[in-house]
Amino acid sequence: MNNTISSDVLLTRLRAMAADAGIQPTTPIETRTEFAPIIKSALEAVNNRQLEAQDLATRFQTGDPSVDIAKVMIEMQKARISFEALSQVRNRFVSAYQEIMSMPL
């Protein structure tokens, strides 16, 4: 099994995840982009998606007629997938950091 991912595919996936999280496209590589605001924005977007899904679930449980089970389930799955994607990005960053730190000087 081959676990390699081409850089073009990875970049496309990261851009799609950023768009789903509500993050605007970044400027060209030549300009300096701060990392912390991008991560903070992604965390806030995932958190907001989870809060919205929980709010829909609560409204459904209390008998709100404007909320149906299909919408609740779809939003809960979107929140779960967003969280899993964020976790995978975090795991990749940690792995990259560990690899860089283990490089000899």
PDB file of N, CA and C in Angstrom:
ATOM      1  N   MET A   1       0.843  -1.175   0.000  1.00  0.00           N
ATOM      2  CA  MET A   1       0.000   0.000   0.000  1.00  0.00           C
ATOM      3  C   MET A   1       0.890   1.240   0.000  1.00  0.00           C
ATOM      4  N   ASN A   2       0.593   2.140  -0.861  1.00  0.00           N
ATOM      5  CA  ASN A   2       1.390   3.350  -1.006  1.00  0.00           C
ATOM      6  C   ASN A   2       0.709   4.501  -0.274  1.00  0.00           C
ATOM      7  N   ASN A   3       1.384   5.100   0.687  1.00  0.00           N
ATOM      8  CA  ASN A   3       0.815   6.181   1.491  1.00  0.00           C
ATOM      9  C   ASN A   3       1.266   7.556   1.050  1.00  0.00           C
ATOM     10  N   THR A   4       1.835   7.675  -0.138  1.00  0.00           N
ATOM     11  CA  THR A   4       2.314   8.977  -0.584  1.00  0.00           C
ATOM     12  C   THR A   4       1.166   9.766  -1.198  1.00  0.00           C
ATOM     13  N   ILE A   5       1.231  11.064  -1.013  1.00  0.00           N
ATOM     14  CA  ILE A   5       0.242  11.981  -1.558  1.00  0.00           C
ATOM     15  C   ILE A   5       0.999  13.029  -2.340  1.00  0.00           C
ATOM     16  N   SER A   6       0.549  13.285  -3.558  1.00  0.00           N
ATOM     17  CA  SER A   6       1.236  14.306  -4.343  1.00  0.00           C
ATOM     18  C   SER A   6       0.958  15.677  -3.737  1.00  0.00           C
ATOM     19  N   SER A   7       1.891  16.587  -3.934  1.00  0.00           N
ATOM     20  CA  SER A   7       1.739  17.922  -3.356  1.00  0.00           C
ATOM     21  C   SER A   7       0.553  18.660  -3.954  1.00  0.00           C
ATOM     22  N   ASP A   8       0.242  18.409  -5.224  1.00  0.00           N
ATOM     23  CA  ASP A   8      -0.905  19.066  -5.844  1.00  0.00           C
ATOM     24  C   ASP A   8      -2.223  18.600  -5.224  1.00  0.00           C
ATOM     25  N   VAL A   9      -2.323  17.298  -4.984  1.00  0.00           N
ATOM     26  CA  VAL A   9      -3.536  16.752  -4.365  1.00  0.00           C
ATOM     27  C   VAL A   9      -3.668  17.274  -2.945  1.00  0.00           C
ATOM     28  N   LEU A  10      -2.567  17.301  -2.198  1.00  0.00           N
ATOM     29  CA  LEU A  10      -2.591  17.799  -0.828  1.00  0.00           C
ATOM     30  C   LEU A  10      -2.996  19.267  -0.786  1.00  0.00           C
ATOM     31  N   LEU A  11      -2.421  20.073  -1.669  1.00  0.00           N
ATOM     32  CA  LEU A  11      -2.758  21.495  -1.713  1.00  0.00           C
ATOM     33  C   LEU A  11      -4.226  21.698  -2.056  1.00  0.00           C
ATOM     34  N   THR A  12      -4.737  20.919  -2.993  1.00  0.00           N
ATOM     35  CA  THR A  12      -6.151  21.019  -3.361  1.00  0.00           C
ATOM     36  C   THR A  12      -7.042  20.656  -2.189  1.00  0.00           C
ATOM     37  N   ARG A  13      -6.681  19.596  -1.461  1.00  0.00           N
ATOM     38  CA  ARG A  13      -7.487  19.181  -0.298  1.00  0.00           C
ATOM     39  C   ARG A  13      -7.439  20.229   0.815  1.00  0.00           C
ATOM     40  N   LEU A  14      -6.259  20.777   1.057  1.00  0.00           N
ATOM     41  CA  LEU A  14      -6.144  21.809   2.092  1.00  0.00           C
ATOM     42  C   LEU A  14      -6.958  23.048   1.731  1.00  0.00           C
ATOM     43  N   ARG A  15      -6.928  23.439   0.465  1.00  0.00           N
ATOM     44  CA  ARG A  15      -7.726  24.595   0.033  1.00  0.00           C
ATOM     45  C   ARG A  15      -9.214  24.319   0.185  1.00  0.00           C
ATOM     46  N   ALA A  16      -9.646  23.091  -0.140  1.00  0.00           N
ATOM     47  CA  ALA A  16     -11.057  22.734   0.014  1.00  0.00           C
ATOM     48  C   ALA A  16     -11.471  22.754   1.482  1.00  0.00           C
ATOM     49  N   MET A  17     -10.606  22.233   2.365  1.00  0.00           N
ATOM     50  CA  MET A  17     -10.909  22.249   3.801  1.00  0.00           C
ATOM     51  C   MET A  17     -10.956  23.678   4.324  1.00  0.00           C
ATOM     52  N   ALA A  18     -10.059  24.517   3.849  1.00  0.00           N
ATOM     53  CA  ALA A  18     -10.051  25.918   4.272  1.00  0.00           C
ATOM     54  C   ALA A  18     -11.323  26.608   3.819  1.00  0.00           C
ATOM     55  N   ALA A  19     -11.763  26.334   2.597  1.00  0.00           N
ATOM     56  CA  ALA A  19     -12.998  26.941   2.100  1.00  0.00           C
ATOM     57  C   ALA A  19     -14.195  26.474   2.923  1.00  0.00           C
ATOM     58  N   ASP A  20     -14.236  25.181   3.278  1.00  0.00           N
ATOM     59  CA  ASP A  20     -15.322  24.655   4.110  1.00  0.00           C
ATOM     60  C   ASP A  20     -15.314  25.282   5.494  1.00  0.00           C
ATOM     61  N   ALA A  21     -14.123  25.585   5.998  1.00  0.00           N
ATOM     62  CA  ALA A  21     -14.003  26.188   7.328  1.00  0.00           C
ATOM     63  C   ALA A  21     -14.225  27.695   7.295  1.00  0.00           C
ATOM     64  N   GLY A  22     -14.410  28.261   6.101  1.00  0.00           N
ATOM     65  CA  GLY A  22     -14.660  29.698   6.002  1.00  0.00           C
ATOM     66  C   GLY A  22     -13.403  30.537   5.989  1.00  0.00           C
ATOM     67  N   ILE A  23     -12.280  29.935   5.687  1.00  0.00           N
ATOM     68  CA  ILE A  23     -11.017  30.657   5.640  1.00  0.00           C
ATOM     69  C   ILE A  23     -10.801  31.162   4.222  1.00  0.00           C
ATOM     70  N   GLN A  24     -10.496  32.431   4.090  1.00  0.00           N
ATOM     71  CA  GLN A  24     -10.253  33.025   2.780  1.00  0.00           C
ATOM     72  C   GLN A  24      -8.933  32.521   2.216  1.00  0.00           C
ATOM     73  N   PRO A  25      -8.835  32.439   0.873  1.00  0.00           N
ATOM     74  CA  PRO A  25      -7.565  32.008   0.277  1.00  0.00           C
ATOM     75  C   PRO A  25      -6.427  32.936   0.702  1.00  0.00           C
ATOM     76  N   THR A  26      -5.279  32.340   0.895  1.00  0.00           N
ATOM     77  CA  THR A  26      -4.122  33.117   1.325  1.00  0.00           C
ATOM     78  C   THR A  26      -3.478  33.813   0.140  1.00  0.00           C
ATOM     79  N   THR A  27      -2.627  34.747   0.448  1.00  0.00           N
ATOM     80  CA  THR A  27      -1.895  35.489  -0.570  1.00  0.00           C
ATOM     81  C   THR A  27      -0.757  34.623  -1.103  1.00  0.00           C
ATOM     82  N   PRO A  28      -0.111  35.033  -2.174  1.00  0.00           N
ATOM     83  CA  PRO A  28       0.986  34.220  -2.724  1.00  0.00           C
ATOM     84  C   PRO A  28       2.067  33.923  -1.694  1.00  0.00           C
ATOM     85  N   ILE A  29       2.837  32.887  -1.975  1.00  0.00           N
ATOM     86  CA  ILE A  29       3.868  32.413  -1.049  1.00  0.00           C
ATOM     87  C   ILE A  29       4.909  33.491  -0.756  1.00  0.00           C
ATOM     88  N   GLU A  30       5.151  34.396  -1.715  1.00  0.00           N
ATOM     89  CA  GLU A  30       6.181  35.404  -1.520  1.00  0.00           C
ATOM     90  C   GLU A  30       5.907  36.295  -0.308  1.00  0.00           C
ATOM     91  N   THR A  31       4.643  36.463   0.058  1.00  0.00           N
ATOM     92  CA  THR A  31       4.326  37.287   1.219  1.00  0.00           C
ATOM     93  C   THR A  31       4.303  36.416   2.467  1.00  0.00           C
ATOM     94  N   ARG A  32       4.549  37.029   3.580  1.00  0.00           N
ATOM     95  CA  ARG A  32       4.586  36.292   4.838  1.00  0.00           C
ATOM     96  C   ARG A  32       3.173  36.140   5.386  1.00  0.00           C
ATOM     97  N   THR A  33       2.811  34.926   5.735  1.00  0.00           N
ATOM     98  CA  THR A  33       1.505  34.626   6.298  1.00  0.00           C
ATOM     99  C   THR A  33       1.707  34.120   7.714  1.00  0.00           C
ATOM    100  N   GLU A  34       1.000  34.729   8.641  1.00  0.00           N
ATOM    101  CA  GLU A  34       1.087  34.283  10.030  1.00  0.00           C
ATOM    102  C   GLU A  34       0.300  32.986  10.198  1.00  0.00           C
ATOM    103  N   PHE A  35       0.886  32.039  10.868  1.00  0.00           N
ATOM    104  CA  PHE A  35       0.308  30.717  11.037  1.00  0.00           C
ATOM    105  C   PHE A  35      -0.787  30.689  12.101  1.00  0.00           C
ATOM    106  N   ALA A  36      -0.568  31.375  13.195  1.00  0.00           N
ATOM    107  CA  ALA A  36      -1.500  31.320  14.329  1.00  0.00           C
ATOM    108  C   ALA A  36      -2.912  31.781  13.969  1.00  0.00           C
ATOM    109  N   PRO A  37      -3.095  32.906  13.244  1.00  0.00           N
ATOM    110  CA  PRO A  37      -4.463  33.310  12.909  1.00  0.00           C
ATOM    111  C   PRO A  37      -5.197  32.306  12.015  1.00  0.00           C
ATOM    112  N   ILE A  38      -4.454  31.625  11.151  1.00  0.00           N
ATOM    113  CA  ILE A  38      -5.079  30.634  10.272  1.00  0.00           C
ATOM    114  C   ILE A  38      -5.589  29.460  11.099  1.00  0.00           C
ATOM    115  N   ILE A  39      -4.773  28.984  12.016  1.00  0.00           N
ATOM    116  CA  ILE A  39      -5.181  27.868  12.875  1.00  0.00           C
ATOM    117  C   ILE A  39      -6.337  28.289  13.782  1.00  0.00           C
ATOM    118  N   LYS A  40      -6.250  29.486  14.336  1.00  0.00           N
ATOM    119  CA  LYS A  40      -7.319  29.974  15.201  1.00  0.00           C
ATOM    120  C   LYS A  40      -8.634  30.048  14.442  1.00  0.00           C
ATOM    121  N   SER A  41      -8.585  30.539  13.215  1.00  0.00           N
ATOM    122  CA  SER A  41      -9.785  30.644  12.391  1.00  0.00           C
ATOM    123  C   SER A  41     -10.371  29.263  12.100  1.00  0.00           C
ATOM    124  N   ALA A  42      -9.515  28.302  11.792  1.00  0.00           N
ATOM    125  CA  ALA A  42      -9.985  26.941  11.529  1.00  0.00           C
ATOM    126  C   ALA A  42     -10.612  26.323  12.779  1.00  0.00           C
ATOM    127  N   LEU A  43      -9.980  26.528  13.932  1.00  0.00           N
ATOM    128  CA  LEU A  43     -10.538  26.008  15.184  1.00  0.00           C
ATOM    129  C   LEU A  43     -11.895  26.623  15.485  1.00  0.00           C
ATOM    130  N   GLU A  44     -12.011  27.924  15.280  1.00  0.00           N
ATOM    131  CA  GLU A  44     -13.285  28.601  15.528  1.00  0.00           C
ATOM    132  C   GLU A  44     -14.364  28.097  14.580  1.00  0.00           C
ATOM    133  N   ALA A  45     -14.005  27.868  13.318  1.00  0.00           N
ATOM    134  CA  ALA A  45     -14.990  27.377  12.350  1.00  0.00           C
ATOM    135  C   ALA A  45     -15.483  25.985  12.729  1.00  0.00           C
ATOM    136  N   VAL A  46     -14.582  25.104  13.134  1.00  0.00           N
ATOM    137  CA  VAL A  46     -14.982  23.756  13.547  1.00  0.00           C
ATOM    138  C   VAL A  46     -15.829  23.825  14.815  1.00  0.00           C
ATOM    139  N   ASN A  47     -15.437  24.659  15.762  1.00  0.00           N
ATOM    140  CA  ASN A  47     -16.205  24.816  16.991  1.00  0.00           C
ATOM    141  C   ASN A  47     -17.608  25.343  16.691  1.00  0.00           C
ATOM    142  N   ASN A  48     -17.705  26.342  15.820  1.00  0.00           N
ATOM    143  CA  ASN A  48     -19.019  26.895  15.465  1.00  0.00           C
ATOM    144  C   ASN A  48     -19.895  25.836  14.811  1.00  0.00           C
ATOM    145  N   ARG A  49     -19.304  25.021  13.937  1.00  0.00           N
ATOM    146  CA  ARG A  49     -20.077  23.961  13.284  1.00  0.00           C
ATOM    147  C   ARG A  49     -20.590  22.969  14.329  1.00  0.00           C
ATOM    148  N   GLN A  50     -19.769  22.635  15.323  1.00  0.00           N
ATOM    149  CA  GLN A  50     -20.203  21.710  16.361  1.00  0.00           C
ATOM    150  C   GLN A  50     -21.295  22.323  17.238  1.00  0.00           C
ATOM    151  N   LEU A  51     -21.159  23.604  17.560  1.00  0.00           N
ATOM    152  CA  LEU A  51     -22.185  24.275  18.366  1.00  0.00           C
ATOM    153  C   LEU A  51     -23.516  24.351  17.628  1.00  0.00           C
ATOM    154  N   GLU A  52     -23.467  24.629  16.332  1.00  0.00           N
ATOM    155  CA  GLU A  52     -24.697  24.684  15.540  1.00  0.00           C
ATOM    156  C   GLU A  52     -25.372  23.314  15.473  1.00  0.00           C
ATOM    157  N   ALA A  53     -24.584  22.265  15.303  1.00  0.00           N
ATOM    158  CA  ALA A  53     -25.139  20.914  15.257  1.00  0.00           C
ATOM    159  C   ALA A  53     -25.761  20.546  16.603  1.00  0.00           C
ATOM    160  N   GLN A  54     -25.086  20.902  17.680  1.00  0.00           N
ATOM    161  CA  GLN A  54     -25.630  20.615  19.011  1.00  0.00           C
ATOM    162  C   GLN A  54     -26.918  21.393  19.259  1.00  0.00           C
ATOM    163  N   ASP A  55     -26.964  22.639  18.785  1.00  0.00           N
ATOM    164  CA  ASP A  55     -28.170  23.453  18.932  1.00  0.00           C
ATOM    165  C   ASP A  55     -29.341  22.820  18.173  1.00  0.00           C
ATOM    166  N   LEU A  56     -29.079  22.335  16.954  1.00  0.00           N
ATOM    167  CA  LEU A  56     -30.140  21.664  16.196  1.00  0.00           C
ATOM    168  C   LEU A  56     -30.607  20.405  16.918  1.00  0.00           C
ATOM    169  N   ALA A  57     -29.681  19.633  17.465  1.00  0.00           N
ATOM    170  CA  ALA A  57     -30.052  18.414  18.181  1.00  0.00           C
ATOM    171  C   ALA A  57     -30.910  18.741  19.406  1.00  0.00           C
ATOM    172  N   THR A  58     -30.527  19.781  20.121  1.00  0.00           N
ATOM    173  CA  THR A  58     -31.300  20.189  21.300  1.00  0.00           C
ATOM    174  C   THR A  58     -32.704  20.647  20.900  1.00  0.00           C
ATOM    175  N   ARG A  59     -32.767  21.421  19.825  1.00  0.00           N
ATOM    176  CA  ARG A  59     -34.080  21.879  19.344  1.00  0.00           C
ATOM    177  C   ARG A  59     -34.954  20.709  18.916  1.00  0.00           C
ATOM    178  N   PHE A  60     -34.351  19.709  18.270  1.00  0.00           N
ATOM    179  CA  PHE A  60     -35.115  18.521  17.871  1.00  0.00           C
ATOM    180  C   PHE A  60     -35.610  17.754  19.092  1.00  0.00           C
ATOM    181  N   GLN A  61     -34.743  17.612  20.093  1.00  0.00           N
ATOM    182  CA  GLN A  61     -35.105  16.871  21.304  1.00  0.00           C
ATOM    183  C   GLN A  61     -36.213  17.556  22.085  1.00  0.00           C
ATOM    184  N   THR A  62     -36.272  18.877  22.009  1.00  0.00           N
ATOM    185  CA  THR A  62     -37.326  19.599  22.736  1.00  0.00           C
ATOM    186  C   THR A  62     -38.613  19.694  21.930  1.00  0.00           C
ATOM    187  N   GLY A  63     -38.615  19.128  20.712  1.00  0.00           N
ATOM    188  CA  GLY A  63     -39.845  19.065  19.943  1.00  0.00           C
ATOM    189  C   GLY A  63     -40.092  20.221  19.006  1.00  0.00           C
ATOM    190  N   ASP A  64     -39.080  20.946  18.610  1.00  0.00           N
ATOM    191  CA  ASP A  64     -39.228  22.050  17.659  1.00  0.00           C
ATOM    192  C   ASP A  64     -39.676  21.479  16.310  1.00  0.00           C
ATOM    193  N   PRO A  65     -40.864  21.873  15.828  1.00  0.00           N
ATOM    194  CA  PRO A  65     -41.377  21.303  14.574  1.00  0.00           C
ATOM    195  C   PRO A  65     -40.602  21.758  13.329  1.00  0.00           C
ATOM    196  N   SER A  66     -39.808  22.801  13.433  1.00  0.00           N
ATOM    197  CA  SER A  66     -39.067  23.282  12.262  1.00  0.00           C
ATOM    198  C   SER A  66     -37.768  22.519  12.024  1.00  0.00           C
ATOM    199  N   VAL A  67     -37.431  21.585  12.929  1.00  0.00           N
ATOM    200  CA  VAL A  67     -36.187  20.821  12.816  1.00  0.00           C
ATOM    201  C   VAL A  67     -36.544  19.352  12.627  1.00  0.00           C
ATOM    202  N   ASP A  68     -36.050  18.758  11.534  1.00  0.00           N
ATOM    203  CA  ASP A  68     -36.305  17.337  11.325  1.00  0.00           C
ATOM    204  C   ASP A  68     -35.030  16.527  11.580  1.00  0.00           C
ATOM    205  N   ILE A  69     -35.220  15.237  11.788  1.00  0.00           N
ATOM    206  CA  ILE A  69     -34.107  14.362  12.169  1.00  0.00           C
ATOM    207  C   ILE A  69     -33.042  14.288  11.085  1.00  0.00           C
ATOM    208  N   ALA A  70     -33.445  14.352   9.816  1.00  0.00           N
ATOM    209  CA  ALA A  70     -32.469  14.267   8.720  1.00  0.00           C
ATOM    210  C   ALA A  70     -31.490  15.433   8.776  1.00  0.00           C
ATOM    211  N   LYS A  71     -32.013  16.624   9.015  1.00  0.00           N
ATOM    212  CA  LYS A  71     -31.144  17.800   9.086  1.00  0.00           C
ATOM    213  C   LYS A  71     -30.201  17.700  10.284  1.00  0.00           C
ATOM    214  N   VAL A  72     -30.719  17.222  11.401  1.00  0.00           N
ATOM    215  CA  VAL A  72     -29.888  17.060  12.601  1.00  0.00           C
ATOM    216  C   VAL A  72     -28.760  16.081  12.325  1.00  0.00           C
ATOM    217  N   MET A  73     -29.077  14.948  11.716  1.00  0.00           N
ATOM    218  CA  MET A  73     -28.060  13.929  11.446  1.00  0.00           C
ATOM    219  C   MET A  73     -27.010  14.434  10.460  1.00  0.00           C
ATOM    220  N   ILE A  74     -27.439  15.155   9.433  1.00  0.00           N
ATOM    221  CA  ILE A  74     -26.499  15.695   8.448  1.00  0.00           C
ATOM    222  C   ILE A  74     -25.556  16.696   9.106  1.00  0.00           C
ATOM    223  N   GLU A  75     -26.090  17.588   9.909  1.00  0.00           N
ATOM    224  CA  GLU A  75     -25.245  18.590  10.568  1.00  0.00           C
ATOM    225  C   GLU A  75     -24.304  17.956  11.589  1.00  0.00           C
ATOM    226  N   MET A  76     -24.767  16.920  12.280  1.00  0.00           N
ATOM    227  CA  MET A  76     -23.892  16.225  13.228  1.00  0.00           C
ATOM    228  C   MET A  76     -22.741  15.531  12.490  1.00  0.00           C
ATOM    229  N   GLN A  77     -23.035  14.943  11.332  1.00  0.00           N
ATOM    230  CA  GLN A  77     -21.982  14.299  10.554  1.00  0.00           C
ATOM    231  C   GLN A  77     -20.996  15.326   9.993  1.00  0.00           C
ATOM    232  N   LYS A  78     -21.494  16.476   9.553  1.00  0.00           N
ATOM    233  CA  LYS A  78     -20.604  17.536   9.078  1.00  0.00           C
ATOM    234  C   LYS A  78     -19.669  17.995  10.197  1.00  0.00           C
ATOM    235  N   ALA A  79     -20.201  18.130  11.387  1.00  0.00           N
ATOM    236  CA  ALA A  79     -19.387  18.542  12.531  1.00  0.00           C
ATOM    237  C   ALA A  79     -18.340  17.479  12.853  1.00  0.00           C
ATOM    238  N   ARG A  80     -18.731  16.213  12.799  1.00  0.00           N
ATOM    239  CA  ARG A  80     -17.800  15.120  13.085  1.00  0.00           C
ATOM    240  C   ARG A  80     -16.678  15.073  12.054  1.00  0.00           C
ATOM    241  N   ILE A  81     -17.036  15.207  10.791  1.00  0.00           N
ATOM    242  CA  ILE A  81     -16.032  15.159   9.726  1.00  0.00           C
ATOM    243  C   ILE A  81     -15.094  16.360   9.817  1.00  0.00           C
ATOM    244  N   SER A  82     -15.636  17.527  10.125  1.00  0.00           N
ATOM    245  CA  SER A  82     -14.788  18.717  10.282  1.00  0.00           C
ATOM    246  C   SER A  82     -13.780  18.514  11.405  1.00  0.00           C
ATOM    247  N   PHE A  83     -14.241  17.959  12.511  1.00  0.00           N
ATOM    248  CA  PHE A  83     -13.345  17.710  13.640  1.00  0.00           C
ATOM    249  C   PHE A  83     -12.284  16.680  13.283  1.00  0.00           C
ATOM    250  N   GLU A  84     -12.680  15.614  12.594  1.00  0.00           N
ATOM    251  CA  GLU A  84     -11.709  14.590  12.203  1.00  0.00           C
ATOM    252  C   GLU A  84     -10.668  15.160  11.240  1.00  0.00           C
ATOM    253  N   ALA A  85     -11.106  16.003  10.308  1.00  0.00           N
ATOM    254  CA  ALA A  85     -10.161  16.623   9.369  1.00  0.00           C
ATOM    255  C   ALA A  85      -9.174  17.509  10.116  1.00  0.00           C
ATOM    256  N   LEU A  86      -9.678  18.283  11.052  1.00  0.00           N
ATOM    257  CA  LEU A  86      -8.805  19.142  11.852  1.00  0.00           C
ATOM    258  C   LEU A  86      -7.816  18.307  12.663  1.00  0.00           C
ATOM    259  N   SER A  87      -8.273  17.196  13.199  1.00  0.00           N
ATOM    260  CA  SER A  87      -7.386  16.310  13.956  1.00  0.00           C
ATOM    261  C   SER A  87      -6.295  15.734  13.064  1.00  0.00           C
ATOM    262  N   GLN A  88      -6.646  15.372  11.841  1.00  0.00           N
ATOM    263  CA  GLN A  88      -5.650  14.835  10.920  1.00  0.00           C
ATOM    264  C   GLN A  88      -4.617  15.890  10.530  1.00  0.00           C
ATOM    265  N   VAL A  89      -5.065  17.123  10.328  1.00  0.00           N
ATOM    266  CA  VAL A  89      -4.131  18.207  10.023  1.00  0.00           C
ATOM    267  C   VAL A  89      -3.187  18.409  11.203  1.00  0.00           C
ATOM    268  N   ARG A  90      -3.731  18.397  12.408  1.00  0.00           N
ATOM    269  CA  ARG A  90      -2.895  18.529  13.601  1.00  0.00           C
ATOM    270  C   ARG A  90      -1.875  17.404  13.691  1.00  0.00           C
ATOM    271  N   ASN A  91      -2.306  16.180  13.413  1.00  0.00           N
ATOM    272  CA  ASN A  91      -1.393  15.039  13.461  1.00  0.00           C
ATOM    273  C   ASN A  91      -0.270  15.199  12.440  1.00  0.00           C
ATOM    274  N   ARG A  92      -0.598  15.711  11.263  1.00  0.00           N
ATOM    275  CA  ARG A  92       0.430  15.915  10.240  1.00  0.00           C
ATOM    276  C   ARG A  92       1.422  16.992  10.680  1.00  0.00           C
ATOM    277  N   PHE A  93       0.920  18.054  11.291  1.00  0.00           N
ATOM    278  CA  PHE A  93       1.819  19.103  11.771  1.00  0.00           C
ATOM    279  C   PHE A  93       2.740  18.588  12.873  1.00  0.00           C
ATOM    280  N   VAL A  94       2.212  17.803  13.779  1.00  0.00           N
ATOM    281  CA  VAL A  94       3.027  17.238  14.851  1.00  0.00           C
ATOM    282  C   VAL A  94       4.086  16.308  14.268  1.00  0.00           C
ATOM    283  N   SER A  95       3.688  15.499  13.307  1.00  0.00           N
ATOM    284  CA  SER A  95       4.631  14.598  12.658  1.00  0.00           C
ATOM    285  C   SER A  95       5.738  15.379  11.942  1.00  0.00           C
ATOM    286  N   ALA A  96       5.373  16.426  11.239  1.00  0.00           N
ATOM    287  CA  ALA A  96       6.369  17.262  10.548  1.00  0.00           C
ATOM    288  C   ALA A  96       7.294  17.923  11.546  1.00  0.00           C
ATOM    289  N   TYR A  97       6.747  18.420  12.642  1.00  0.00           N
ATOM    290  CA  TYR A  97       7.554  19.057  13.674  1.00  0.00           C
ATOM    291  C   TYR A  97       8.561  18.060  14.255  1.00  0.00           C
ATOM    292  N   GLN A  98       8.081  16.862  14.572  1.00  0.00           N
ATOM    293  CA  GLN A  98       8.979  15.844  15.133  1.00  0.00           C
ATOM    294  C   GLN A  98      10.075  15.457  14.150  1.00  0.00           C
ATOM    295  N   GLU A  99       9.726  15.374  12.882  1.00  0.00           N
ATOM    296  CA  GLU A  99      10.730  15.050  11.877  1.00  0.00           C
ATOM    297  C   GLU A  99      11.770  16.150  11.757  1.00  0.00           C
ATOM    298  N   ILE A 100      11.334  17.389  11.765  1.00  0.00           N
ATOM    299  CA  ILE A 100      12.269  18.513  11.685  1.00  0.00           C
ATOM    300  C   ILE A 100      13.160  18.546  12.913  1.00  0.00           C
ATOM    301  N   MET A 101      12.593  18.317  14.097  1.00  0.00           N
ATOM    302  CA  MET A 101      13.380  18.363  15.320  1.00  0.00           C
ATOM    303  C   MET A 101      14.392  17.221  15.396  1.00  0.00           C
ATOM    304  N   SER A 102      14.131  16.120  14.718  1.00  0.00           N
ATOM    305  CA  SER A 102      15.061  15.006  14.769  1.00  0.00           C
ATOM    306  C   SER A 102      16.175  15.114  13.721  1.00  0.00           C
ATOM    307  N   MET A 103      16.094  16.118  12.864  1.00  0.00           N
ATOM    308  CA  MET A 103      17.134  16.306  11.844  1.00  0.00           C
ATOM    309  C   MET A 103      18.430  16.786  12.497  1.00  0.00           C
ATOM    310  N   PRO A 104      19.542  16.241  12.042  1.00  0.00           N
ATOM    311  CA  PRO A 104      20.826  16.714  12.592  1.00  0.00           C
ATOM    312  C   PRO A 104      21.151  18.108  12.067  1.00  0.00           C
ATOM    313  N   LEU A 105      21.854  18.867  12.872  1.00  0.00           N
ATOM    314  CA  LEU A 105      22.230  20.216  12.448  1.00  0.00           C
ATOM    315  C   LEU A 105      23.430  20.220  11.585  1.00  0.00           C
TER     316      LEU A 105
END
